[in-house]
Amino acid sequence: MKKLLNTVYVTTEGAALKKDGENLVAEIEGAEKARVPLHMLASVVVFGPILVSPALIGTCAGRGISITILDRAGRFQARIEGPVAGNVLLRRAQYRQAEAAEDIVRSIVLGKIANQRAVIRRALRDYGAEMDPAARAGLETTTDRMATILRRVQLKDDSIDLLRGSEGEAANLYFAIFDHLIRAPDPELRWTGRSRRPPLDAMNALLSFLYTLLTHDCRSACEAVGLDPAVGFLHRDRPGRPSLALDLMEELRAPLADRLALSLVNRRQLRAGDFRQMEGGAVLMSDDARKLVLTAWQERKKEERLHPFLGEKAPFGLVPYLQAQMLARHLRGDIDAYPPWFWS
């Protein structure tokens, strides 16, 4: 099985990255703060004004180590990578099936809804007895309604548009009860609804940041197996949007990003003071909070789970790569269907 390589996240404004022999070196005001062997790296992600030396850029490009540049809020700005190493025959198969792939879309939707439902069921199991009876009843009703949607998606021969409608219906149910999953005492951390570009409250800021990290990993996974990350199945094509990477992350949002966000808040590792509101209404995390989240994200990616299709344990961080690999095998005709990843 593929080895889980590291992603280096650089968040300190004014830091400098350079190549020293076979190592990436991070410096702040001329003092070395970190040194990482290049052969252990899969990617580098920098936030805000970070200096990256030309020598490091050239070496990373030549070795397949991507460099992603985000602004201070975590919004994508640019990506530096070497020559595309895709398989042209695989990409031709991807393009041919992109317009009529109900089976692939159905698998993605099944995986996403099942994993969202599993997050709710885990909350009921872990602290349902402590919940307000009305909140507990609301969660139980939502899991029942999501189970009905799952059966409908699995049994009916729907078009892609109808499958998208089922995915949206389940997402609305899930986020309608999301506040019941938050146990933090801070009123500023309550959930009132999904907001993006920009996030307008603390929980949305946290989720958006984690979704950015997950998108990066899914895009890298697509490219690693030779797929075009811009041509998706569930997500419609749009200039500049990595639609296939967004497809892959749908199954993983709830168990990787949402669960981590809830854990950090419910364990009071993040509090209201870790977020600040900007003049335009956008809410951002503090630098210290961002570092805490990145550390927790890296630890989360090391946790192992049984891959239901392969029958082997794999770290969370490898799941995007394994799913991209399964999709490539299906597009080539090596397996009959794309197997979704179910969290348990």
C-alpha atoms as a PDB file:
ATOM      1  CA  MET A   1       0.000   0.000   0.000  1.00  0.00           C
ATOM      2  CA  LYS A   2       1.129   3.548  -0.737  1.00  0.00           C
ATOM      3  CA  LYS A   3       3.043   5.239   2.076  1.00  0.00           C
ATOM      4  CA  LEU A   4       1.425   8.263   3.731  1.00  0.00           C
ATOM      5  CA  LEU A   5       3.773  11.190   3.071  1.00  0.00           C
ATOM      6  CA  ASN A   6       3.751  14.491   4.924  1.00  0.00           C
ATOM      7  CA  THR A   7       2.240  17.848   4.058  1.00  0.00           C
ATOM      8  CA  VAL A   8       4.089  20.866   5.439  1.00  0.00           C
ATOM      9  CA  TYR A   9       1.821  23.780   6.427  1.00  0.00           C
ATOM     10  CA  VAL A  10       3.479  27.184   6.863  1.00  0.00           C
ATOM     11  CA  THR A  11       1.334  29.801   8.607  1.00  0.00           C
ATOM     12  CA  THR A  12       3.782  32.337  10.061  1.00  0.00           C
ATOM     13  CA  GLU A  13       3.694  35.567   8.073  1.00  0.00           C
ATOM     14  CA  GLY A  14       7.129  36.496   6.740  1.00  0.00           C
ATOM     15  CA  ALA A  15       8.574  32.976   7.025  1.00  0.00           C
ATOM     16  CA  ALA A  16      11.015  31.812   4.346  1.00  0.00           C
ATOM     17  CA  LEU A  17      11.298  28.358   2.792  1.00  0.00           C
ATOM     18  CA  LYS A  18      14.466  27.210   1.057  1.00  0.00           C
ATOM     19  CA  LYS A  19      16.270  24.071  -0.078  1.00  0.00           C
ATOM     20  CA  ASP A  20      19.319  22.919   1.852  1.00  0.00           C
ATOM     21  CA  GLY A  21      20.760  19.740   0.386  1.00  0.00           C
ATOM     22  CA  GLU A  22      17.975  17.160   0.447  1.00  0.00           C
ATOM     23  CA  ASN A  23      15.896  19.086   2.954  1.00  0.00           C
ATOM     24  CA  LEU A  24      13.235  21.766   3.066  1.00  0.00           C
ATOM     25  CA  VAL A  25      14.182  24.366   5.636  1.00  0.00           C
ATOM     26  CA  ALA A  26      11.788  26.907   7.187  1.00  0.00           C
ATOM     27  CA  GLU A  27      13.280  30.096   8.625  1.00  0.00           C
ATOM     28  CA  ILE A  28      11.796  33.032  10.535  1.00  0.00           C
ATOM     29  CA  GLU A  29      13.894  36.204  10.648  1.00  0.00           C
ATOM     30  CA  GLY A  30      16.931  34.194   9.558  1.00  0.00           C
ATOM     31  CA  ALA A  31      16.630  31.560  12.302  1.00  0.00           C
ATOM     32  CA  GLU A  32      15.939  27.960  11.305  1.00  0.00           C
ATOM     33  CA  LYS A  33      12.655  26.702  12.769  1.00  0.00           C
ATOM     34  CA  ALA A  34      12.087  23.410  10.934  1.00  0.00           C
ATOM     35  CA  ARG A  35      13.868  20.984   8.630  1.00  0.00           C
ATOM     36  CA  VAL A  36      12.069  18.224   6.697  1.00  0.00           C
ATOM     37  CA  PRO A  37      13.669  15.674   4.316  1.00  0.00           C
ATOM     38  CA  LEU A  38      12.278  16.152   0.810  1.00  0.00           C
ATOM     39  CA  HIS A  39      11.746  12.428   0.288  1.00  0.00           C
ATOM     40  CA  MET A  40       9.146  12.468   3.095  1.00  0.00           C
ATOM     41  CA  LEU A  41       7.057  15.229   1.501  1.00  0.00           C
ATOM     42  CA  ALA A  42       3.940  15.013  -0.642  1.00  0.00           C
ATOM     43  CA  SER A  43       3.095  18.723  -0.669  1.00  0.00           C
ATOM     44  CA  VAL A  44       3.695  22.155   0.837  1.00  0.00           C
ATOM     45  CA  VAL A  45       0.852  24.537   1.746  1.00  0.00           C
ATOM     46  CA  VAL A  46       1.594  28.157   2.646  1.00  0.00           C
ATOM     47  CA  PHE A  47      -0.787  30.756   4.089  1.00  0.00           C
ATOM     48  CA  GLY A  48      -0.265  34.406   3.205  1.00  0.00           C
ATOM     49  CA  PRO A  49       3.028  36.185   2.420  1.00  0.00           C
ATOM     50  CA  ILE A  50       5.603  33.394   2.668  1.00  0.00           C
ATOM     51  CA  LEU A  51       8.884  33.487   0.722  1.00  0.00           C
ATOM     52  CA  VAL A  52       9.650  30.325  -1.280  1.00  0.00           C
ATOM     53  CA  SER A  53      13.088  30.169  -2.899  1.00  0.00           C
ATOM     54  CA  PRO A  54      13.417  29.405  -6.648  1.00  0.00           C
ATOM     55  CA  ALA A  55      15.692  26.459  -5.861  1.00  0.00           C
ATOM     56  CA  LEU A  56      13.014  24.885  -3.661  1.00  0.00           C
ATOM     57  CA  ILE A  57      10.308  25.522  -6.267  1.00  0.00           C
ATOM     58  CA  GLY A  58      12.378  23.838  -8.974  1.00  0.00           C
ATOM     59  CA  THR A  59      13.217  20.821  -6.822  1.00  0.00           C
ATOM     60  CA  CYS A  60       9.634  20.331  -5.666  1.00  0.00           C
ATOM     61  CA  ALA A  61       8.341  20.568  -9.232  1.00  0.00           C
ATOM     62  CA  GLY A  62      10.846  17.987 -10.410  1.00  0.00           C
ATOM     63  CA  ARG A  63       9.961  15.547  -7.627  1.00  0.00           C
ATOM     64  CA  GLY A  64       6.199  15.825  -7.818  1.00  0.00           C
ATOM     65  CA  ILE A  65       5.856  17.826  -4.591  1.00  0.00           C
ATOM     66  CA  SER A  66       3.113  20.396  -5.099  1.00  0.00           C
ATOM     67  CA  ILE A  67       3.246  23.874  -3.554  1.00  0.00           C
ATOM     68  CA  THR A  68      -0.167  25.410  -2.822  1.00  0.00           C
ATOM     69  CA  ILE A  69      -0.517  29.097  -1.944  1.00  0.00           C
ATOM     70  CA  LEU A  70      -3.522  30.219   0.128  1.00  0.00           C
ATOM     71  CA  ASP A  71      -4.327  33.636   1.523  1.00  0.00           C
ATOM     72  CA  ARG A  72      -4.549  34.277   5.258  1.00  0.00           C
ATOM     73  CA  ALA A  73      -8.194  33.222   5.281  1.00  0.00           C
ATOM     74  CA  GLY A  74      -7.382  29.907   3.586  1.00  0.00           C
ATOM     75  CA  ARG A  75      -8.745  30.858   0.152  1.00  0.00           C
ATOM     76  CA  PHE A  76      -6.939  29.296  -2.806  1.00  0.00           C
ATOM     77  CA  GLN A  77      -4.601  31.594  -4.753  1.00  0.00           C
ATOM     78  CA  ALA A  78      -2.182  29.462  -6.765  1.00  0.00           C
ATOM     79  CA  ARG A  79      -0.656  26.034  -7.144  1.00  0.00           C
ATOM     80  CA  ILE A  80       2.853  25.227  -8.369  1.00  0.00           C
ATOM     81  CA  GLU A  81       3.533  21.780  -9.785  1.00  0.00           C
ATOM     82  CA  GLY A  82       5.753  20.064 -12.314  1.00  0.00           C
ATOM     83  CA  PRO A  83       4.771  18.327 -15.553  1.00  0.00           C
ATOM     84  CA  VAL A  84       1.437  16.503 -15.437  1.00  0.00           C
ATOM     85  CA  ALA A  85       2.044  12.765 -15.106  1.00  0.00           C
ATOM     86  CA  GLY A  86      -1.411  11.615 -16.110  1.00  0.00           C
ATOM     87  CA  ASN A  87      -2.279   8.618 -18.208  1.00  0.00           C
ATOM     88  CA  VAL A  88      -3.837   9.981 -21.405  1.00  0.00           C
ATOM     89  CA  LEU A  89      -5.936   6.838 -21.948  1.00  0.00           C
ATOM     90  CA  LEU A  90      -7.334   7.080 -18.415  1.00  0.00           C
ATOM     91  CA  ARG A  91      -8.198  10.735 -18.899  1.00  0.00           C
ATOM     92  CA  ARG A  92      -9.912   9.996 -22.206  1.00  0.00           C
ATOM     93  CA  ALA A  93     -12.062   7.423 -20.391  1.00  0.00           C
ATOM     94  CA  GLN A  94     -12.799  10.007 -17.688  1.00  0.00           C
ATOM     95  CA  TYR A  95     -13.893  12.596 -20.261  1.00  0.00           C
ATOM     96  CA  ARG A  96     -16.098  10.103 -22.129  1.00  0.00           C
ATOM     97  CA  GLN A  97     -17.974   9.097 -18.986  1.00  0.00           C
ATOM     98  CA  ALA A  98     -18.243  12.546 -17.405  1.00  0.00           C
ATOM     99  CA  GLU A  99     -21.548  13.337 -19.120  1.00  0.00           C
ATOM    100  CA  ALA A 100     -23.324  10.067 -18.334  1.00  0.00           C
ATOM    101  CA  ALA A 101     -22.060   8.433 -15.163  1.00  0.00           C
ATOM    102  CA  GLU A 102     -25.127   7.848 -13.000  1.00  0.00           C
ATOM    103  CA  ASP A 103     -23.465   4.842 -11.366  1.00  0.00           C
ATOM    104  CA  ILE A 104     -20.468   6.898 -10.190  1.00  0.00           C
ATOM    105  CA  VAL A 105     -22.663   9.758  -8.968  1.00  0.00           C
ATOM    106  CA  ARG A 106     -24.916   7.288  -7.126  1.00  0.00           C
ATOM    107  CA  SER A 107     -21.914   5.805  -5.308  1.00  0.00           C
ATOM    108  CA  ILE A 108     -20.625   9.237  -4.282  1.00  0.00           C
ATOM    109  CA  VAL A 109     -24.057  10.318  -3.028  1.00  0.00           C
ATOM    110  CA  LEU A 110     -24.546   7.047  -1.125  1.00  0.00           C
ATOM    111  CA  GLY A 111     -21.170   7.452   0.564  1.00  0.00           C
ATOM    112  CA  LYS A 112     -21.790  11.075   1.505  1.00  0.00           C
ATOM    113  CA  ILE A 113     -25.283  10.557   2.966  1.00  0.00           C
ATOM    114  CA  ALA A 114     -24.315   7.366   4.801  1.00  0.00           C
ATOM    115  CA  ASN A 115     -21.325   9.099   6.400  1.00  0.00           C
ATOM    116  CA  GLN A 116     -23.347  12.159   7.411  1.00  0.00           C
ATOM    117  CA  ARG A 117     -25.886   9.828   8.993  1.00  0.00           C
ATOM    118  CA  ALA A 118     -23.084   7.947  10.759  1.00  0.00           C
ATOM    119  CA  VAL A 119     -21.856  11.202  12.354  1.00  0.00           C
ATOM    120  CA  ILE A 120     -25.337  11.832  13.774  1.00  0.00           C
ATOM    121  CA  ARG A 121     -25.676   8.248  14.991  1.00  0.00           C
ATOM    122  CA  ARG A 122     -22.259   8.460  16.671  1.00  0.00           C
ATOM    123  CA  ALA A 123     -23.385  11.595  18.525  1.00  0.00           C
ATOM    124  CA  LEU A 124     -26.560   9.838  19.677  1.00  0.00           C
ATOM    125  CA  ARG A 125     -24.523   6.892  20.878  1.00  0.00           C
ATOM    126  CA  ASP A 126     -21.887   8.962  22.670  1.00  0.00           C
ATOM    127  CA  TYR A 127     -24.021  11.560  24.463  1.00  0.00           C
ATOM    128  CA  GLY A 128     -27.628  11.091  23.409  1.00  0.00           C
ATOM    129  CA  ALA A 129     -28.657  10.355  27.003  1.00  0.00           C
ATOM    130  CA  GLU A 130     -27.432  13.807  28.067  1.00  0.00           C
ATOM    131  CA  MET A 131     -29.322  15.665  25.326  1.00  0.00           C
ATOM    132  CA  ASP A 132     -32.505  17.618  25.616  1.00  0.00           C
ATOM    133  CA  PRO A 133     -35.300  15.167  24.683  1.00  0.00           C
ATOM    134  CA  ALA A 134     -36.482  17.397  21.827  1.00  0.00           C
ATOM    135  CA  ALA A 135     -32.968  17.596  20.386  1.00  0.00           C
ATOM    136  CA  ARG A 136     -32.511  13.834  20.665  1.00  0.00           C
ATOM    137  CA  ALA A 137     -35.845  13.231  18.951  1.00  0.00           C
ATOM    138  CA  GLY A 138     -34.822  15.628  16.187  1.00  0.00           C
ATOM    139  CA  LEU A 139     -31.610  13.717  15.558  1.00  0.00           C
ATOM    140  CA  GLU A 140     -33.423  10.387  15.521  1.00  0.00           C
ATOM    141  CA  THR A 141     -36.013  11.700  13.071  1.00  0.00           C
ATOM    142  CA  THR A 142     -33.263  13.028  10.825  1.00  0.00           C
ATOM    143  CA  THR A 143     -31.449   9.677  10.739  1.00  0.00           C
ATOM    144  CA  ASP A 144     -34.729   7.983   9.759  1.00  0.00           C
ATOM    145  CA  ARG A 145     -35.364  10.476   6.958  1.00  0.00           C
ATOM    146  CA  MET A 146     -31.801  10.114   5.708  1.00  0.00           C
ATOM    147  CA  ALA A 147     -32.197   6.336   5.713  1.00  0.00           C
ATOM    148  CA  THR A 148     -35.239   6.772   3.461  1.00  0.00           C
ATOM    149  CA  ILE A 149     -33.192   8.915   1.074  1.00  0.00           C
ATOM    150  CA  LEU A 150     -30.439   6.289   1.045  1.00  0.00           C
ATOM    151  CA  ARG A 151     -32.914   3.580   0.071  1.00  0.00           C
ATOM    152  CA  ARG A 152     -34.334   5.782  -2.653  1.00  0.00           C
ATOM    153  CA  VAL A 153     -30.898   6.564  -4.083  1.00  0.00           C
ATOM    154  CA  GLN A 154     -29.856   2.926  -3.951  1.00  0.00           C
ATOM    155  CA  LEU A 155     -32.972   1.416  -5.489  1.00  0.00           C
ATOM    156  CA  LYS A 156     -34.209   3.953  -8.038  1.00  0.00           C
ATOM    157  CA  ASP A 157     -32.645   4.380 -11.478  1.00  0.00           C
ATOM    158  CA  ASP A 158     -32.467   8.174 -11.169  1.00  0.00           C
ATOM    159  CA  SER A 159     -30.861  10.691 -13.499  1.00  0.00           C
ATOM    160  CA  ILE A 160     -27.815  12.628 -12.345  1.00  0.00           C
ATOM    161  CA  ASP A 161     -29.976  15.695 -11.685  1.00  0.00           C
ATOM    162  CA  LEU A 162     -32.313  13.699  -9.421  1.00  0.00           C
ATOM    163  CA  LEU A 163     -29.330  12.213  -7.595  1.00  0.00           C
ATOM    164  CA  ARG A 164     -28.013  15.731  -7.052  1.00  0.00           C
ATOM    165  CA  GLY A 165     -31.425  16.642  -5.655  1.00  0.00           C
ATOM    166  CA  SER A 166     -31.274  13.751  -3.182  1.00  0.00           C
ATOM    167  CA  GLU A 167     -27.781  14.808  -2.111  1.00  0.00           C
ATOM    168  CA  GLY A 168     -28.989  18.359  -1.527  1.00  0.00           C
ATOM    169  CA  GLU A 169     -32.036  17.166   0.426  1.00  0.00           C
ATOM    170  CA  ALA A 170     -29.880  15.085   2.746  1.00  0.00           C
ATOM    171  CA  ALA A 171     -27.401  17.959   3.194  1.00  0.00           C
ATOM    172  CA  ASN A 172     -30.224  20.301   4.230  1.00  0.00           C
ATOM    173  CA  LEU A 173     -31.417  17.759   6.809  1.00  0.00           C
ATOM    174  CA  TYR A 174     -27.902  17.278   8.144  1.00  0.00           C
ATOM    175  CA  PHE A 175     -27.086  20.963   8.580  1.00  0.00           C
ATOM    176  CA  ALA A 176     -30.547  21.686   9.996  1.00  0.00           C
ATOM    177  CA  ILE A 177     -29.643  19.637  13.099  1.00  0.00           C
ATOM    178  CA  PHE A 178     -25.912  20.408  13.170  1.00  0.00           C
ATOM    179  CA  ASP A 179     -26.300  22.730  16.151  1.00  0.00           C
ATOM    180  CA  HIS A 180     -27.496  19.780  18.263  1.00  0.00           C
ATOM    181  CA  LEU A 181     -24.068  18.173  17.752  1.00  0.00           C
ATOM    182  CA  ILE A 182     -22.267  21.142  19.347  1.00  0.00           C
ATOM    183  CA  ARG A 183     -21.797  20.910  23.114  1.00  0.00           C
ATOM    184  CA  ALA A 184     -19.595  23.962  23.666  1.00  0.00           C
ATOM    185  CA  PRO A 185     -20.951  26.559  26.142  1.00  0.00           C
ATOM    186  CA  ASP A 186     -19.867  29.596  24.096  1.00  0.00           C
ATOM    187  CA  PRO A 187     -22.875  31.163  22.356  1.00  0.00           C
ATOM    188  CA  GLU A 188     -20.532  32.452  19.619  1.00  0.00           C
ATOM    189  CA  LEU A 189     -19.881  28.832  18.597  1.00  0.00           C
ATOM    190  CA  ARG A 190     -23.533  27.940  17.979  1.00  0.00           C
ATOM    191  CA  TRP A 191     -24.616  26.896  14.493  1.00  0.00           C
ATOM    192  CA  THR A 192     -27.198  28.970  12.639  1.00  0.00           C
ATOM    193  CA  GLY A 193     -26.679  27.732   9.080  1.00  0.00           C
ATOM    194  CA  ARG A 194     -24.037  27.262   6.412  1.00  0.00           C
ATOM    195  CA  SER A 195     -22.283  30.391   5.144  1.00  0.00           C
ATOM    196  CA  ARG A 196     -19.338  30.544   2.736  1.00  0.00           C
ATOM    197  CA  ARG A 197     -17.221  33.050   0.849  1.00  0.00           C
ATOM    198  CA  PRO A 198     -16.902  34.469   3.430  1.00  0.00           C
ATOM    199  CA  PRO A 199     -17.876  32.422   6.508  1.00  0.00           C
ATOM    200  CA  LEU A 200     -19.951  34.595   8.812  1.00  0.00           C
ATOM    201  CA  ASP A 201     -19.490  32.785  12.130  1.00  0.00           C
ATOM    202  CA  ALA A 202     -16.895  30.727  13.976  1.00  0.00           C
ATOM    203  CA  MET A 203     -18.141  27.229  13.096  1.00  0.00           C
ATOM    204  CA  ASN A 204     -18.397  28.096   9.416  1.00  0.00           C
ATOM    205  CA  ALA A 205     -14.881  29.547   9.503  1.00  0.00           C
ATOM    206  CA  LEU A 206     -13.597  26.311  11.035  1.00  0.00           C
ATOM    207  CA  LEU A 207     -15.450  24.067   8.585  1.00  0.00           C
ATOM    208  CA  SER A 208     -14.384  26.134   5.568  1.00  0.00           C
ATOM    209  CA  PHE A 209     -10.749  25.918   6.669  1.00  0.00           C
ATOM    210  CA  LEU A 210     -10.938  22.139   7.062  1.00  0.00           C
ATOM    211  CA  TYR A 211     -12.736  21.762   3.735  1.00  0.00           C
ATOM    212  CA  THR A 212      -9.891  23.701   2.081  1.00  0.00           C
ATOM    213  CA  LEU A 213      -7.364  21.236   3.513  1.00  0.00           C
ATOM    214  CA  LEU A 214      -9.458  18.277   2.383  1.00  0.00           C
ATOM    215  CA  THR A 215      -9.871  19.708  -1.124  1.00  0.00           C
ATOM    216  CA  HIS A 216      -6.101  20.035  -1.394  1.00  0.00           C
ATOM    217  CA  ASP A 217      -5.603  16.386  -0.414  1.00  0.00           C
ATOM    218  CA  CYS A 218      -8.297  15.166  -2.827  1.00  0.00           C
ATOM    219  CA  ARG A 219      -6.878  17.177  -5.709  1.00  0.00           C
ATOM    220  CA  SER A 220      -3.418  15.768  -5.040  1.00  0.00           C
ATOM    221  CA  ALA A 221      -4.905  12.255  -4.953  1.00  0.00           C
ATOM    222  CA  CYS A 222      -6.566  12.719  -8.355  1.00  0.00           C
ATOM    223  CA  GLU A 223      -3.328  13.886  -9.898  1.00  0.00           C
ATOM    224  CA  ALA A 224      -1.336  11.100  -8.247  1.00  0.00           C
ATOM    225  CA  VAL A 225      -3.337   8.395 -10.051  1.00  0.00           C
ATOM    226  CA  GLY A 226      -3.501  10.260 -13.369  1.00  0.00           C
ATOM    227  CA  LEU A 227      -7.041  11.699 -13.246  1.00  0.00           C
ATOM    228  CA  ASP A 228      -7.960  15.236 -14.265  1.00  0.00           C
ATOM    229  CA  PRO A 229      -9.102  16.973 -11.047  1.00  0.00           C
ATOM    230  CA  ALA A 230     -11.123  19.537 -13.026  1.00  0.00           C
ATOM    231  CA  VAL A 231     -13.571  17.099 -14.677  1.00  0.00           C
ATOM    232  CA  GLY A 232     -16.093  15.717 -12.204  1.00  0.00           C
ATOM    233  CA  PHE A 233     -19.272  13.674 -12.175  1.00  0.00           C
ATOM    234  CA  LEU A 234     -21.438  14.953  -9.302  1.00  0.00           C
ATOM    235  CA  HIS A 235     -20.136  18.526  -9.561  1.00  0.00           C
ATOM    236  CA  ARG A 236     -20.677  20.289 -12.848  1.00  0.00           C
ATOM    237  CA  ASP A 237     -17.641  21.617 -14.692  1.00  0.00           C
ATOM    238  CA  ARG A 238     -16.803  25.231 -14.007  1.00  0.00           C
ATOM    239  CA  PRO A 239     -13.639  27.140 -15.011  1.00  0.00           C
ATOM    240  CA  GLY A 240     -11.129  27.088 -12.175  1.00  0.00           C
ATOM    241  CA  ARG A 241     -13.059  24.573 -10.051  1.00  0.00           C
ATOM    242  CA  PRO A 242     -11.492  21.162  -9.218  1.00  0.00           C
ATOM    243  CA  SER A 243     -14.812  19.344  -9.724  1.00  0.00           C
ATOM    244  CA  LEU A 244     -13.453  15.810  -9.416  1.00  0.00           C
ATOM    245  CA  ALA A 245     -11.573  16.688  -6.227  1.00  0.00           C
ATOM    246  CA  LEU A 246     -14.852  18.064  -4.839  1.00  0.00           C
ATOM    247  CA  ASP A 247     -16.574  14.809  -5.852  1.00  0.00           C
ATOM    248  CA  LEU A 248     -14.045  12.740  -3.911  1.00  0.00           C
ATOM    249  CA  MET A 249     -14.243  14.897  -0.809  1.00  0.00           C
ATOM    250  CA  GLU A 250     -18.047  14.562  -0.529  1.00  0.00           C
ATOM    251  CA  GLU A 251     -17.722  11.115   1.068  1.00  0.00           C
ATOM    252  CA  LEU A 252     -15.057  12.404   3.456  1.00  0.00           C
ATOM    253  CA  ARG A 253     -16.441  15.761   4.612  1.00  0.00           C
ATOM    254  CA  ALA A 254     -18.479  14.410   7.512  1.00  0.00           C
ATOM    255  CA  PRO A 255     -16.087  11.835   9.024  1.00  0.00           C
ATOM    256  CA  LEU A 256     -12.853  13.804   8.507  1.00  0.00           C
ATOM    257  CA  ALA A 257     -13.671  17.515   8.569  1.00  0.00           C
ATOM    258  CA  ASP A 258     -17.013  17.769  10.404  1.00  0.00           C
ATOM    259  CA  ARG A 259     -16.083  15.268  13.111  1.00  0.00           C
ATOM    260  CA  LEU A 260     -12.755  16.990  13.703  1.00  0.00           C
ATOM    261  CA  ALA A 261     -14.437  20.399  13.936  1.00  0.00           C
ATOM    262  CA  LEU A 262     -16.962  19.072  16.441  1.00  0.00           C
ATOM    263  CA  SER A 263     -14.243  17.378  18.497  1.00  0.00           C
ATOM    264  CA  LEU A 264     -12.125  20.529  18.723  1.00  0.00           C
ATOM    265  CA  VAL A 265     -15.102  22.622  19.817  1.00  0.00           C
ATOM    266  CA  ASN A 266     -16.752  20.075  22.108  1.00  0.00           C
ATOM    267  CA  ARG A 267     -13.465  19.351  23.888  1.00  0.00           C
ATOM    268  CA  ARG A 268     -13.016  23.127  24.284  1.00  0.00           C
ATOM    269  CA  GLN A 269      -9.701  23.111  22.470  1.00  0.00           C
ATOM    270  CA  LEU A 270     -11.160  25.981  20.444  1.00  0.00           C
ATOM    271  CA  ARG A 271     -13.147  28.754  22.129  1.00  0.00           C
ATOM    272  CA  ALA A 272     -14.896  31.896  20.984  1.00  0.00           C
ATOM    273  CA  GLY A 273     -11.738  33.937  21.581  1.00  0.00           C
ATOM    274  CA  ASP A 274      -9.917  31.975  18.873  1.00  0.00           C
ATOM    275  CA  PHE A 275     -11.985  33.709  16.186  1.00  0.00           C
ATOM    276  CA  ARG A 276     -12.266  37.343  15.162  1.00  0.00           C
ATOM    277  CA  GLN A 277     -14.780  39.188  13.013  1.00  0.00           C
ATOM    278  CA  MET A 278     -13.516  41.440  10.245  1.00  0.00           C
ATOM    279  CA  GLU A 279     -15.075  44.722   9.136  1.00  0.00           C
ATOM    280  CA  GLY A 280     -16.927  43.140   6.215  1.00  0.00           C
ATOM    281  CA  GLY A 281     -18.522  40.501   8.447  1.00  0.00           C
ATOM    282  CA  ALA A 282     -16.167  37.633   7.642  1.00  0.00           C
ATOM    283  CA  VAL A 283     -14.953  35.549  10.598  1.00  0.00           C
ATOM    284  CA  LEU A 284     -11.354  34.286  10.674  1.00  0.00           C
ATOM    285  CA  MET A 285      -9.369  32.058  13.011  1.00  0.00           C
ATOM    286  CA  SER A 286      -6.415  33.443  14.913  1.00  0.00           C
ATOM    287  CA  ASP A 287      -2.926  32.269  13.954  1.00  0.00           C
ATOM    288  CA  ASP A 288      -2.645  30.140  17.098  1.00  0.00           C
ATOM    289  CA  ALA A 289      -6.027  28.525  16.404  1.00  0.00           C
ATOM    290  CA  ARG A 290      -5.013  27.772  12.825  1.00  0.00           C
ATOM    291  CA  LYS A 291      -1.849  26.045  14.028  1.00  0.00           C
ATOM    292  CA  LEU A 292      -3.857  23.996  16.527  1.00  0.00           C
ATOM    293  CA  VAL A 293      -6.273  22.899  13.798  1.00  0.00           C
ATOM    294  CA  LEU A 294      -3.439  21.971  11.429  1.00  0.00           C
ATOM    295  CA  THR A 295      -1.786  19.848  14.124  1.00  0.00           C
ATOM    296  CA  ALA A 296      -5.083  18.097  14.867  1.00  0.00           C
ATOM    297  CA  TRP A 297      -5.666  17.576  11.130  1.00  0.00           C
ATOM    298  CA  GLN A 298      -2.298  15.885  10.703  1.00  0.00           C
ATOM    299  CA  GLU A 299      -2.954  13.638  13.696  1.00  0.00           C
ATOM    300  CA  ARG A 300      -6.416  12.792  12.355  1.00  0.00           C
ATOM    301  CA  LYS A 301      -4.900  11.708   9.051  1.00  0.00           C
ATOM    302  CA  LYS A 302      -2.700   9.183  10.866  1.00  0.00           C
ATOM    303  CA  GLU A 303      -5.681   7.354  12.424  1.00  0.00           C
ATOM    304  CA  GLU A 304      -6.378   4.008  10.770  1.00  0.00           C
ATOM    305  CA  ARG A 305      -9.713   2.664   9.607  1.00  0.00           C
ATOM    306  CA  LEU A 306     -10.689  -0.490   7.743  1.00  0.00           C
ATOM    307  CA  HIS A 307     -11.225   0.187   4.055  1.00  0.00           C
ATOM    308  CA  PRO A 308     -14.539  -1.608   3.377  1.00  0.00           C
ATOM    309  CA  PHE A 309     -13.716  -2.565  -0.220  1.00  0.00           C
ATOM    310  CA  LEU A 310     -10.034  -3.465   0.113  1.00  0.00           C
ATOM    311  CA  GLY A 311     -10.479  -5.184   3.471  1.00  0.00           C
ATOM    312  CA  GLU A 312      -7.279  -3.573   4.788  1.00  0.00           C
ATOM    313  CA  LYS A 313      -6.604  -0.941   7.412  1.00  0.00           C
ATOM    314  CA  ALA A 314      -5.405   2.378   6.047  1.00  0.00           C
ATOM    315  CA  PRO A 315      -4.727   5.799   7.613  1.00  0.00           C
ATOM    316  CA  PHE A 316      -7.365   8.468   7.010  1.00  0.00           C
ATOM    317  CA  GLY A 317      -4.813  10.480   5.057  1.00  0.00           C
ATOM    318  CA  LEU A 318      -4.562   7.767   2.401  1.00  0.00           C
ATOM    319  CA  VAL A 319      -8.310   7.423   1.861  1.00  0.00           C
ATOM    320  CA  PRO A 320      -8.484  10.162  -0.849  1.00  0.00           C
ATOM    321  CA  TYR A 321      -5.696   8.398  -2.759  1.00  0.00           C
ATOM    322  CA  LEU A 322      -7.331   4.984  -2.382  1.00  0.00           C
ATOM    323  CA  GLN A 323     -10.694   6.318  -3.566  1.00  0.00           C
ATOM    324  CA  ALA A 324      -9.072   8.036  -6.539  1.00  0.00           C
ATOM    325  CA  GLN A 325      -7.371   4.742  -7.322  1.00  0.00           C
ATOM    326  CA  MET A 326     -10.703   2.880  -7.131  1.00  0.00           C
ATOM    327  CA  LEU A 327     -12.281   5.416  -9.469  1.00  0.00           C
ATOM    328  CA  ALA A 328      -9.422   5.069 -11.952  1.00  0.00           C
ATOM    329  CA  ARG A 329      -9.784   1.276 -11.891  1.00  0.00           C
ATOM    330  CA  HIS A 330     -13.504   1.585 -12.582  1.00  0.00           C
ATOM    331  CA  LEU A 331     -12.961   4.007 -15.475  1.00  0.00           C
ATOM    332  CA  ARG A 332     -10.431   1.592 -16.985  1.00  0.00           C
ATOM    333  CA  GLY A 333     -12.915  -1.276 -16.639  1.00  0.00           C
ATOM    334  CA  ASP A 334     -10.906  -3.201 -14.043  1.00  0.00           C
ATOM    335  CA  ILE A 335     -13.794  -3.191 -11.532  1.00  0.00           C
ATOM    336  CA  ASP A 336     -17.509  -3.083 -12.267  1.00  0.00           C
ATOM    337  CA  ALA A 337     -18.410  -0.094 -10.089  1.00  0.00           C
ATOM    338  CA  TYR A 338     -16.844   2.678  -8.039  1.00  0.00           C
ATOM    339  CA  PRO A 339     -17.037   1.571  -4.371  1.00  0.00           C
ATOM    340  CA  PRO A 340     -17.853   4.416  -1.951  1.00  0.00           C
ATOM    341  CA  TRP A 341     -15.994   4.690   1.342  1.00  0.00           C
ATOM    342  CA  PHE A 342     -18.213   4.164   4.358  1.00  0.00           C
ATOM    343  CA  TRP A 343     -17.123   5.402   7.790  1.00  0.00           C
ATOM    344  CA  SER A 344     -18.002   3.397  10.869  1.00  0.00           C
END
